[in-house]
Amino acid sequence: MNILLTNDDGIHAEGLWALKKALSGKHTTTVVAPDMERSAVGHSITLIHPLRVNRIQTNGGWGHAVSGTPADCVKLAVLEILETRPDMVVSGINPGPNVGINLNYSGTVSAAKEAVLMGIPAIAISQNRNPDNEYGVAANFVGILIAKITENGLPAGTFLNVNIPACPRDEIEGIRITRQGISRLKEIFYRRTDPRSQTYYWQGSETQFFDHDPDTDGAVLCRNYISITPVQCDMTDYQAIEHLKSWDIHLNV
């Protein structure tokens, strides 16, 4: 199988190359990733600047470094760089969870979403922060998921958002199919003054508040379960359609 690997942490990120190492034995893998960290850029794409691509060697392998966003990387890889359309796109491994409202900001998740918009099955993979930067369990689990997706398929317009606990394999409690939580973040801005006496703001670290619902992605991850959330690209609230129709809205001329 031909697999495109990308991320939002940049082409030098260890999690990306852990995936490359784990998957290359059974699959043909190609790395196309941002040339520097592009965390929390969401699904942004580059329109007013040219995109530049350099083939570089890093972490013991070769990849294509793109001067753009994760979504740019997927588009450019599929339409220009790769000789063969990939059978699957894997984005990650992100060092830190992508759960709750983080999915709206995550470049890791958006790369997978872009792949699905282009008709290619995709996985976004993240792991709780691990001081040892050990990604072996997460990378090997992606191989298992790839086999399952190949066997069973995914609904059109749906990708998998996967979060792995940062603990040894024998401490992982199991696997749960979850829904996205709506847990909020505690956001902090530090107000400072530069040498020219101008005020600027630096966004600080964020504390995640997880939902009390035990079936949400963040709650499951906190209990050392692997969380797998199917995410749709169609953002329509179908339950609200009939409710809005009942408003009997008219255009007053």
C-alpha atoms as a PDB file:
ATOM      1  CA  MET A   1       0.000   0.000   0.000  1.00  0.00           C
ATOM      2  CA  ASN A   2       1.192   3.536  -0.795  1.00  0.00           C
ATOM      3  CA  ILE A   3       0.946   5.733   2.306  1.00  0.00           C
ATOM      4  CA  LEU A   4       1.527   9.468   2.559  1.00  0.00           C
ATOM      5  CA  LEU A   5       2.891  10.599   5.936  1.00  0.00           C
ATOM      6  CA  THR A   6       2.559  14.184   7.133  1.00  0.00           C
ATOM      7  CA  ASN A   7       2.124  16.197  10.340  1.00  0.00           C
ATOM      8  CA  ASP A   8       1.905  19.721  11.762  1.00  0.00           C
ATOM      9  CA  ASP A   9       5.075  19.601  13.882  1.00  0.00           C
ATOM     10  CA  GLY A  10       7.431  19.796  10.935  1.00  0.00           C
ATOM     11  CA  ILE A  11       9.502  17.370   8.966  1.00  0.00           C
ATOM     12  CA  HIS A  12      12.095  16.905  11.719  1.00  0.00           C
ATOM     13  CA  ALA A  13       9.570  15.753  14.346  1.00  0.00           C
ATOM     14  CA  GLU A  14      10.337  12.406  15.975  1.00  0.00           C
ATOM     15  CA  GLY A  15       6.744  11.182  15.904  1.00  0.00           C
ATOM     16  CA  LEU A  16       6.610  11.459  12.117  1.00  0.00           C
ATOM     17  CA  TRP A  17       9.719   9.335  11.683  1.00  0.00           C
ATOM     18  CA  ALA A  18       8.513   6.786  14.219  1.00  0.00           C
ATOM     19  CA  LEU A  19       5.571   6.254  11.863  1.00  0.00           C
ATOM     20  CA  LYS A  20       7.907   5.988   8.903  1.00  0.00           C
ATOM     21  CA  LYS A  21       9.971   3.339  10.675  1.00  0.00           C
ATOM     22  CA  ALA A  22       6.965   1.308  11.822  1.00  0.00           C
ATOM     23  CA  LEU A  23       5.097   1.311   8.504  1.00  0.00           C
ATOM     24  CA  SER A  24       7.871   1.057   5.916  1.00  0.00           C
ATOM     25  CA  GLY A  25       8.331  -2.688   6.407  1.00  0.00           C
ATOM     26  CA  LYS A  26       4.882  -3.512   4.956  1.00  0.00           C
ATOM     27  CA  HIS A  27       4.078  -0.376   2.970  1.00  0.00           C
ATOM     28  CA  THR A  28       5.593   2.160   0.598  1.00  0.00           C
ATOM     29  CA  THR A  29       5.734   5.390   2.597  1.00  0.00           C
ATOM     30  CA  THR A  30       6.475   8.947   1.507  1.00  0.00           C
ATOM     31  CA  VAL A  31       7.003  11.873   3.869  1.00  0.00           C
ATOM     32  CA  VAL A  32       5.668  15.276   2.810  1.00  0.00           C
ATOM     33  CA  ALA A  33       5.554  17.625   5.780  1.00  0.00           C
ATOM     34  CA  PRO A  34       5.916  21.301   6.703  1.00  0.00           C
ATOM     35  CA  ASP A  35       9.476  22.612   6.763  1.00  0.00           C
ATOM     36  CA  MET A  36       8.882  23.956  10.285  1.00  0.00           C
ATOM     37  CA  GLU A  37       6.332  23.603  13.045  1.00  0.00           C
ATOM     38  CA  ARG A  38       2.814  24.579  11.985  1.00  0.00           C
ATOM     39  CA  SER A  39       0.888  23.552  15.102  1.00  0.00           C
ATOM     40  CA  ALA A  40      -2.644  24.919  15.611  1.00  0.00           C
ATOM     41  CA  VAL A  41      -2.938  26.345  12.095  1.00  0.00           C
ATOM     42  CA  GLY A  42      -6.179  24.447  11.567  1.00  0.00           C
ATOM     43  CA  HIS A  43      -7.216  23.855   7.957  1.00  0.00           C
ATOM     44  CA  SER A  44      -5.509  26.940   6.560  1.00  0.00           C
ATOM     45  CA  ILE A  45      -4.025  26.818   3.068  1.00  0.00           C
ATOM     46  CA  THR A  46      -1.481  29.104   1.399  1.00  0.00           C
ATOM     47  CA  LEU A  47      -2.837  31.367  -1.333  1.00  0.00           C
ATOM     48  CA  ILE A  48      -0.781  34.589  -1.347  1.00  0.00           C
ATOM     49  CA  HIS A  49       2.735  33.124  -1.161  1.00  0.00           C
ATOM     50  CA  PRO A  50       4.465  30.524  -3.357  1.00  0.00           C
ATOM     51  CA  LEU A  51       4.993  27.069  -1.911  1.00  0.00           C
ATOM     52  CA  ARG A  52       8.543  25.749  -2.021  1.00  0.00           C
ATOM     53  CA  VAL A  53       9.517  22.097  -1.706  1.00  0.00           C
ATOM     54  CA  ASN A  54      12.935  20.754  -0.777  1.00  0.00           C
ATOM     55  CA  ARG A  55      13.842  17.088  -0.596  1.00  0.00           C
ATOM     56  CA  ILE A  56      15.915  16.668   2.550  1.00  0.00           C
ATOM     57  CA  GLN A  57      17.422  13.943   4.693  1.00  0.00           C
ATOM     58  CA  THR A  58      16.618  13.924   8.398  1.00  0.00           C
ATOM     59  CA  ASN A  59      16.196  11.374  11.174  1.00  0.00           C
ATOM     60  CA  GLY A  60      17.782   8.749   8.960  1.00  0.00           C
ATOM     61  CA  GLY A  61      15.369   9.114   6.051  1.00  0.00           C
ATOM     62  CA  TRP A  62      14.375  11.277   3.107  1.00  0.00           C
ATOM     63  CA  GLY A  63      11.322  13.476   2.883  1.00  0.00           C
ATOM     64  CA  HIS A  64       9.851  16.527   1.173  1.00  0.00           C
ATOM     65  CA  ALA A  65       9.857  19.719   3.253  1.00  0.00           C
ATOM     66  CA  VAL A  66       7.096  22.147   2.231  1.00  0.00           C
ATOM     67  CA  SER A  67       6.971  25.843   3.119  1.00  0.00           C
ATOM     68  CA  GLY A  68       3.277  25.603   3.928  1.00  0.00           C
ATOM     69  CA  THR A  69       0.590  24.167   6.159  1.00  0.00           C
ATOM     70  CA  PRO A  70      -0.362  20.515   6.750  1.00  0.00           C
ATOM     71  CA  ALA A  71      -3.314  20.886   4.361  1.00  0.00           C
ATOM     72  CA  ASP A  72      -0.944  22.368   1.761  1.00  0.00           C
ATOM     73  CA  CYS A  73       1.299  19.325   2.162  1.00  0.00           C
ATOM     74  CA  VAL A  74      -1.510  16.889   1.420  1.00  0.00           C
ATOM     75  CA  LYS A  75      -2.766  18.844  -1.586  1.00  0.00           C
ATOM     76  CA  LEU A  76       0.707  19.313  -3.043  1.00  0.00           C
ATOM     77  CA  ALA A  77       1.742  15.716  -2.414  1.00  0.00           C
ATOM     78  CA  VAL A  78      -1.318  14.244  -4.115  1.00  0.00           C
ATOM     79  CA  LEU A  79      -1.453  16.643  -7.051  1.00  0.00           C
ATOM     80  CA  GLU A  80       2.240  17.284  -7.751  1.00  0.00           C
ATOM     81  CA  ILE A  81       4.870  15.418  -5.755  1.00  0.00           C
ATOM     82  CA  LEU A  82       3.756  11.788  -5.725  1.00  0.00           C
ATOM     83  CA  GLU A  83       3.859   9.743  -8.900  1.00  0.00           C
ATOM     84  CA  THR A  84       1.066   7.508  -7.600  1.00  0.00           C
ATOM     85  CA  ARG A  85      -2.026   8.629  -5.705  1.00  0.00           C
ATOM     86  CA  PRO A  86      -1.707   7.410  -2.086  1.00  0.00           C
ATOM     87  CA  ASP A  87      -4.004   4.700  -0.808  1.00  0.00           C
ATOM     88  CA  MET A  88      -4.052   6.313   2.635  1.00  0.00           C
ATOM     89  CA  VAL A  89      -2.811   9.386   4.489  1.00  0.00           C
ATOM     90  CA  VAL A  90      -1.534   9.239   8.068  1.00  0.00           C
ATOM     91  CA  SER A  91      -0.967  12.496   9.949  1.00  0.00           C
ATOM     92  CA  GLY A  92       1.123  12.559  13.131  1.00  0.00           C
ATOM     93  CA  ILE A  93       2.271  11.354  15.538  1.00  0.00           C
ATOM     94  CA  ASN A  94       1.402  14.574  17.355  1.00  0.00           C
ATOM     95  CA  PRO A  95       3.163  15.054  20.712  1.00  0.00           C
ATOM     96  CA  GLY A  96       0.110  15.909  22.788  1.00  0.00           C
ATOM     97  CA  PRO A  97      -3.570  14.977  22.569  1.00  0.00           C
ATOM     98  CA  ASN A  98      -6.005  16.264  19.961  1.00  0.00           C
ATOM     99  CA  VAL A  99      -9.329  15.893  21.737  1.00  0.00           C
ATOM    100  CA  GLY A 100     -12.363  18.056  22.438  1.00  0.00           C
ATOM    101  CA  ILE A 101     -12.359  21.471  20.798  1.00  0.00           C
ATOM    102  CA  ASN A 102      -8.683  21.030  19.867  1.00  0.00           C
ATOM    103  CA  LEU A 103      -9.909  19.329  16.687  1.00  0.00           C
ATOM    104  CA  ASN A 104     -10.946  22.754  15.412  1.00  0.00           C
ATOM    105  CA  TYR A 105      -7.399  24.102  15.686  1.00  0.00           C
ATOM    106  CA  SER A 106      -5.236  21.066  15.004  1.00  0.00           C
ATOM    107  CA  GLY A 107      -3.111  20.959  11.875  1.00  0.00           C
ATOM    108  CA  THR A 108      -2.651  17.232  12.490  1.00  0.00           C
ATOM    109  CA  VAL A 109      -6.391  16.653  12.258  1.00  0.00           C
ATOM    110  CA  SER A 110      -6.813  19.036   9.327  1.00  0.00           C
ATOM    111  CA  ALA A 111      -4.264  17.156   7.227  1.00  0.00           C
ATOM    112  CA  ALA A 112      -6.354  14.002   7.623  1.00  0.00           C
ATOM    113  CA  LYS A 113      -9.496  15.967   6.830  1.00  0.00           C
ATOM    114  CA  GLU A 114      -7.925  17.362   3.661  1.00  0.00           C
ATOM    115  CA  ALA A 115      -7.075  13.834   2.548  1.00  0.00           C
ATOM    116  CA  VAL A 116     -10.674  12.699   3.010  1.00  0.00           C
ATOM    117  CA  LEU A 117     -11.923  15.755   1.102  1.00  0.00           C
ATOM    118  CA  MET A 118      -9.719  14.502  -1.736  1.00  0.00           C
ATOM    119  CA  GLY A 119     -11.270  11.030  -1.468  1.00  0.00           C
ATOM    120  CA  ILE A 120      -8.386   9.323   0.346  1.00  0.00           C
ATOM    121  CA  PRO A 121      -8.853   7.380   3.630  1.00  0.00           C
ATOM    122  CA  ALA A 122      -6.987   9.002   6.496  1.00  0.00           C
ATOM    123  CA  ILE A 123      -5.930   8.728  10.124  1.00  0.00           C
ATOM    124  CA  ALA A 124      -4.882  11.540  12.487  1.00  0.00           C
ATOM    125  CA  ILE A 125      -2.766  10.116  15.308  1.00  0.00           C
ATOM    126  CA  SER A 126      -1.769  11.876  18.539  1.00  0.00           C
ATOM    127  CA  GLN A 127      -0.230  10.778  21.809  1.00  0.00           C
ATOM    128  CA  ASN A 128      -0.352  12.265  25.276  1.00  0.00           C
ATOM    129  CA  ARG A 129       2.857  14.117  26.027  1.00  0.00           C
ATOM    130  CA  ASN A 130       5.637  11.679  26.827  1.00  0.00           C
ATOM    131  CA  PRO A 131       8.873  12.946  28.420  1.00  0.00           C
ATOM    132  CA  ASP A 132      10.774  10.064  26.819  1.00  0.00           C
ATOM    133  CA  ASN A 133       9.443  10.825  23.298  1.00  0.00           C
ATOM    134  CA  GLU A 134       8.660   7.137  22.868  1.00  0.00           C
ATOM    135  CA  TYR A 135       6.204   6.614  20.002  1.00  0.00           C
ATOM    136  CA  GLY A 136       6.572   2.881  19.368  1.00  0.00           C
ATOM    137  CA  VAL A 137       3.186   1.824  20.749  1.00  0.00           C
ATOM    138  CA  ALA A 138       1.324   4.532  18.843  1.00  0.00           C
ATOM    139  CA  ALA A 139       3.180   3.862  15.585  1.00  0.00           C
ATOM    140  CA  ASN A 140       2.563   0.123  15.760  1.00  0.00           C
ATOM    141  CA  PHE A 141      -1.121   0.695  16.514  1.00  0.00           C
ATOM    142  CA  VAL A 142      -1.434   2.720  13.309  1.00  0.00           C
ATOM    143  CA  GLY A 143      -0.327  -0.378  11.419  1.00  0.00           C
ATOM    144  CA  ILE A 144      -3.171  -2.323  13.032  1.00  0.00           C
ATOM    145  CA  LEU A 145      -5.682   0.376  12.098  1.00  0.00           C
ATOM    146  CA  ILE A 146      -4.485   0.498   8.508  1.00  0.00           C
ATOM    147  CA  ALA A 147      -5.176  -3.223   8.182  1.00  0.00           C
ATOM    148  CA  LYS A 148      -8.645  -2.790   9.703  1.00  0.00           C
ATOM    149  CA  ILE A 149      -9.510   0.118   7.401  1.00  0.00           C
ATOM    150  CA  THR A 150      -8.324  -1.885   4.402  1.00  0.00           C
ATOM    151  CA  GLU A 151     -10.489  -4.812   5.490  1.00  0.00           C
ATOM    152  CA  ASN A 152     -13.650  -2.933   6.469  1.00  0.00           C
ATOM    153  CA  GLY A 153     -13.474   0.481   4.815  1.00  0.00           C
ATOM    154  CA  LEU A 154     -14.673   3.820   6.168  1.00  0.00           C
ATOM    155  CA  PRO A 155     -17.775   5.822   5.255  1.00  0.00           C
ATOM    156  CA  ALA A 156     -17.195   8.440   2.571  1.00  0.00           C
ATOM    157  CA  GLY A 157     -16.128  11.731   4.108  1.00  0.00           C
ATOM    158  CA  THR A 158     -15.048  10.185   7.424  1.00  0.00           C
ATOM    159  CA  PHE A 159     -11.576   9.849   8.921  1.00  0.00           C
ATOM    160  CA  LEU A 160     -10.320   8.519  12.246  1.00  0.00           C
ATOM    161  CA  ASN A 161      -8.945  10.752  14.985  1.00  0.00           C
ATOM    162  CA  VAL A 162      -6.856   8.558  17.286  1.00  0.00           C
ATOM    163  CA  ASN A 163      -5.345   9.453  20.663  1.00  0.00           C
ATOM    164  CA  ILE A 164      -2.906   7.182  22.496  1.00  0.00           C
ATOM    165  CA  PRO A 165      -2.094   7.270  26.233  1.00  0.00           C
ATOM    166  CA  ALA A 166       1.513   8.076  27.111  1.00  0.00           C
ATOM    167  CA  CYS A 167       2.217   4.876  29.011  1.00  0.00           C
ATOM    168  CA  PRO A 168       3.814   1.472  28.408  1.00  0.00           C
ATOM    169  CA  ARG A 169       1.880  -1.041  26.318  1.00  0.00           C
ATOM    170  CA  ASP A 170       0.948  -3.180  29.332  1.00  0.00           C
ATOM    171  CA  GLU A 171      -0.597  -0.161  31.095  1.00  0.00           C
ATOM    172  CA  ILE A 172      -3.013   0.692  28.287  1.00  0.00           C
ATOM    173  CA  GLU A 173      -6.472  -0.378  29.482  1.00  0.00           C
ATOM    174  CA  GLY A 174      -7.908  -1.057  26.035  1.00  0.00           C
ATOM    175  CA  ILE A 175      -9.549   0.658  23.073  1.00  0.00           C
ATOM    176  CA  ARG A 176     -12.716   2.747  23.044  1.00  0.00           C
ATOM    177  CA  ILE A 177     -14.728   4.134  20.140  1.00  0.00           C
ATOM    178  CA  THR A 178     -15.560   7.643  21.266  1.00  0.00           C
ATOM    179  CA  ARG A 179     -17.248  10.875  20.303  1.00  0.00           C
ATOM    180  CA  GLN A 180     -15.577  14.256  20.224  1.00  0.00           C
ATOM    181  CA  GLY A 181     -15.946  16.083  23.493  1.00  0.00           C
ATOM    182  CA  ILE A 182     -16.695  19.758  23.763  1.00  0.00           C
ATOM    183  CA  SER A 183     -14.234  20.266  26.581  1.00  0.00           C
ATOM    184  CA  ARG A 184     -12.973  23.797  26.802  1.00  0.00           C
ATOM    185  CA  LEU A 185      -9.518  25.236  27.331  1.00  0.00           C
ATOM    186  CA  LYS A 186      -8.315  27.598  29.995  1.00  0.00           C
ATOM    187  CA  GLU A 187      -6.701  30.217  27.817  1.00  0.00           C
ATOM    188  CA  ILE A 188      -4.043  32.577  29.108  1.00  0.00           C
ATOM    189  CA  PHE A 189      -2.463  35.628  27.484  1.00  0.00           C
ATOM    190  CA  TYR A 190       0.608  37.313  28.927  1.00  0.00           C
ATOM    191  CA  ARG A 191       0.651  41.045  28.356  1.00  0.00           C
ATOM    192  CA  ARG A 192       4.147  42.415  27.899  1.00  0.00           C
ATOM    193  CA  THR A 193       5.946  45.505  26.643  1.00  0.00           C
ATOM    194  CA  ASP A 194       8.647  45.474  23.987  1.00  0.00           C
ATOM    195  CA  PRO A 195      11.812  47.669  23.982  1.00  0.00           C
ATOM    196  CA  ARG A 196       9.890  50.324  22.021  1.00  0.00           C
ATOM    197  CA  SER A 197       7.220  50.506  24.741  1.00  0.00           C
ATOM    198  CA  GLN A 198       4.637  48.804  22.550  1.00  0.00           C
ATOM    199  CA  THR A 199       2.260  46.297  24.139  1.00  0.00           C
ATOM    200  CA  TYR A 200       2.211  42.767  22.817  1.00  0.00           C
ATOM    201  CA  TYR A 201       0.551  39.526  23.914  1.00  0.00           C
ATOM    202  CA  TRP A 202       2.001  36.051  24.200  1.00  0.00           C
ATOM    203  CA  GLN A 203      -0.442  33.171  24.385  1.00  0.00           C
ATOM    204  CA  GLY A 204       0.460  30.910  27.273  1.00  0.00           C
ATOM    205  CA  SER A 205      -0.036  27.253  28.009  1.00  0.00           C
ATOM    206  CA  GLU A 206      -3.545  25.895  27.991  1.00  0.00           C
ATOM    207  CA  THR A 207      -5.187  23.663  30.549  1.00  0.00           C
ATOM    208  CA  GLN A 208      -7.685  21.191  29.117  1.00  0.00           C
ATOM    209  CA  PHE A 209     -10.915  20.597  31.020  1.00  0.00           C
ATOM    210  CA  PHE A 210     -12.306  17.230  30.001  1.00  0.00           C
ATOM    211  CA  ASP A 211     -15.992  16.386  29.738  1.00  0.00           C
ATOM    212  CA  HIS A 212     -17.657  14.418  32.501  1.00  0.00           C
ATOM    213  CA  ASP A 213     -19.236  12.126  29.898  1.00  0.00           C
ATOM    214  CA  PRO A 214     -17.124   8.932  30.105  1.00  0.00           C
ATOM    215  CA  ASP A 215     -17.577   8.214  26.385  1.00  0.00           C
ATOM    216  CA  THR A 216     -15.825  11.320  25.097  1.00  0.00           C
ATOM    217  CA  ASP A 217     -12.328  11.271  23.628  1.00  0.00           C
ATOM    218  CA  GLY A 218     -10.601  13.205  26.396  1.00  0.00           C
ATOM    219  CA  ALA A 219     -12.273  11.331  29.248  1.00  0.00           C
ATOM    220  CA  VAL A 220     -11.339   7.970  27.743  1.00  0.00           C
ATOM    221  CA  LEU A 221      -7.744   9.061  27.171  1.00  0.00           C
ATOM    222  CA  CYS A 222      -7.440  10.152  30.807  1.00  0.00           C
ATOM    223  CA  ARG A 223      -8.326   6.603  31.861  1.00  0.00           C
ATOM    224  CA  ASN A 224      -5.451   5.198  29.752  1.00  0.00           C
ATOM    225  CA  TYR A 225      -7.640   3.922  26.924  1.00  0.00           C
ATOM    226  CA  ILE A 226      -6.879   4.452  23.256  1.00  0.00           C
ATOM    227  CA  SER A 227      -9.538   6.757  21.847  1.00  0.00           C
ATOM    228  CA  ILE A 228     -10.773   6.323  18.261  1.00  0.00           C
ATOM    229  CA  THR A 229     -13.224   8.966  17.074  1.00  0.00           C
ATOM    230  CA  PRO A 230     -14.799   8.870  13.594  1.00  0.00           C
ATOM    231  CA  VAL A 231     -14.904  12.459  12.326  1.00  0.00           C
ATOM    232  CA  GLN A 232     -17.088  13.687   9.474  1.00  0.00           C
ATOM    233  CA  CYS A 233     -16.144  16.410   7.030  1.00  0.00           C
ATOM    234  CA  ASP A 234     -19.819  17.309   6.528  1.00  0.00           C
ATOM    235  CA  MET A 235     -20.467  19.945   9.211  1.00  0.00           C
ATOM    236  CA  THR A 236     -24.227  20.160   8.618  1.00  0.00           C
ATOM    237  CA  ASP A 237     -26.368  19.915  11.757  1.00  0.00           C
ATOM    238  CA  TYR A 238     -29.068  17.680  10.318  1.00  0.00           C
ATOM    239  CA  GLN A 239     -31.160  17.733  13.484  1.00  0.00           C
ATOM    240  CA  ALA A 240     -31.409  21.503  13.220  1.00  0.00           C
ATOM    241  CA  ILE A 241     -32.706  21.513   9.629  1.00  0.00           C
ATOM    242  CA  GLU A 242     -36.342  20.762  10.531  1.00  0.00           C
ATOM    243  CA  HIS A 243     -36.159  23.151  13.475  1.00  0.00           C
ATOM    244  CA  LEU A 244     -35.027  25.972  11.189  1.00  0.00           C
ATOM    245  CA  LYS A 245     -37.737  25.157   8.669  1.00  0.00           C
ATOM    246  CA  SER A 246     -40.299  25.694  11.414  1.00  0.00           C
ATOM    247  CA  TRP A 247     -39.176  29.318  11.733  1.00  0.00           C
ATOM    248  CA  ASP A 248     -41.096  30.099   8.509  1.00  0.00           C
ATOM    249  CA  ILE A 249     -38.514  32.647   7.409  1.00  0.00           C
ATOM    250  CA  HIS A 250     -39.575  35.065   4.655  1.00  0.00           C
ATOM    251  CA  LEU A 251     -37.751  37.752   2.730  1.00  0.00           C
ATOM    252  CA  ASN A 252     -39.501  41.035   3.353  1.00  0.00           C
ATOM    253  CA  VAL A 253     -39.347  43.195   0.259  1.00  0.00           C
END
